[in-house]
Amino acid sequence: MALDDKAANTGQDLGGKVKEAAGKVTGNRDLEAEGKGDQASASVKQAGEKIKDAAKDILS
């Protein structure tokens, strides 16, 4: 996984956690849901990067 991709995915995950927490504190369900969505998106991207890395290892 490229370091910049890994950092971007981690940043998106952390941003999602912040949004989710802010939504819970303020009672803003839309913000909370957006945060959860950001976290899910980051997880999918991380899984895709891991698959690419595994494929490179197999083909090498």
Protein backbone atom coordinates (compact mmCIF):
# COMPACT_ATOMS: atom_id res chain seq x y z
CA MET A 1 0.00 0.00 0.00
CA ALA A 2 1.42 3.37 -0.93
CA LEU A 3 2.24 5.47 2.07
CA ASP A 4 0.27 8.46 0.80
CA ASP A 5 -2.81 6.30 0.19
CA LYS A 6 -2.48 4.78 3.65
CA ALA A 7 -2.20 8.25 5.22
CA ALA A 8 -5.20 9.53 3.26
CA ASN A 9 -7.31 6.53 4.29
CA THR A 10 -6.29 6.93 7.92
CA GLY A 11 -7.11 10.64 7.76
CA GLN A 12 -10.52 9.91 6.30
CA ASP A 13 -11.18 7.33 9.02
CA LEU A 14 -10.15 9.72 11.78
CA GLY A 15 -12.20 12.52 10.25
CA GLY A 16 -15.18 10.19 10.18
CA LYS A 17 -14.71 9.35 13.84
CA VAL A 18 -14.61 13.06 14.70
CA LYS A 19 -17.78 13.73 12.69
CA GLU A 20 -19.54 10.78 14.30
CA ALA A 21 -18.58 11.93 17.80
CA ALA A 22 -19.59 15.53 17.05
CA GLY A 23 -22.91 14.29 15.72
CA LYS A 24 -23.53 12.26 18.87
CA VAL A 25 -22.65 15.18 21.16
CA THR A 26 -24.81 17.67 19.29
CA GLY A 27 -27.64 15.26 18.54
CA ASN A 28 -27.08 15.75 14.80
CA ARG A 29 -27.91 12.38 13.31
CA ASP A 30 -26.98 13.48 9.79
CA LEU A 31 -23.45 14.40 10.89
CA GLU A 32 -23.17 11.16 12.84
CA ALA A 33 -24.25 9.15 9.79
CA GLU A 34 -21.85 11.07 7.56
CA GLY A 35 -19.03 10.21 9.94
CA LYS A 36 -19.92 6.54 9.87
CA GLY A 37 -20.05 6.70 6.08
CA ASP A 38 -16.58 8.26 5.94
CA GLN A 39 -15.24 5.48 8.14
CA ALA A 40 -16.84 2.80 5.99
CA SER A 41 -15.44 4.38 2.84
CA ALA A 42 -11.95 4.47 4.34
CA SER A 43 -12.25 0.81 5.32
CA VAL A 44 -13.25 -0.20 1.79
CA LYS A 45 -10.33 1.76 0.33
CA GLN A 46 -7.91 0.14 2.79
CA ALA A 47 -9.22 -3.31 1.84
CA GLY A 48 -8.75 -2.52 -1.85
CA GLU A 49 -5.18 -1.42 -1.24
CA LYS A 50 -4.46 -4.62 0.68
CA ILE A 51 -5.83 -6.70 -2.19
CA LYS A 52 -3.61 -4.84 -4.65
CA ASP A 53 -0.60 -5.42 -2.40
CA ALA A 54 -1.40 -9.13 -2.11
CA ALA A 55 -1.75 -9.43 -5.89
CA LYS A 56 1.64 -7.75 -6.38
CA ASP A 57 3.21 -10.18 -3.90
CA ILE A 58 1.71 -13.19 -5.69
CA LEU A 59 2.82 -11.97 -9.12
CA SER A 60 6.33 -11.13 -7.94
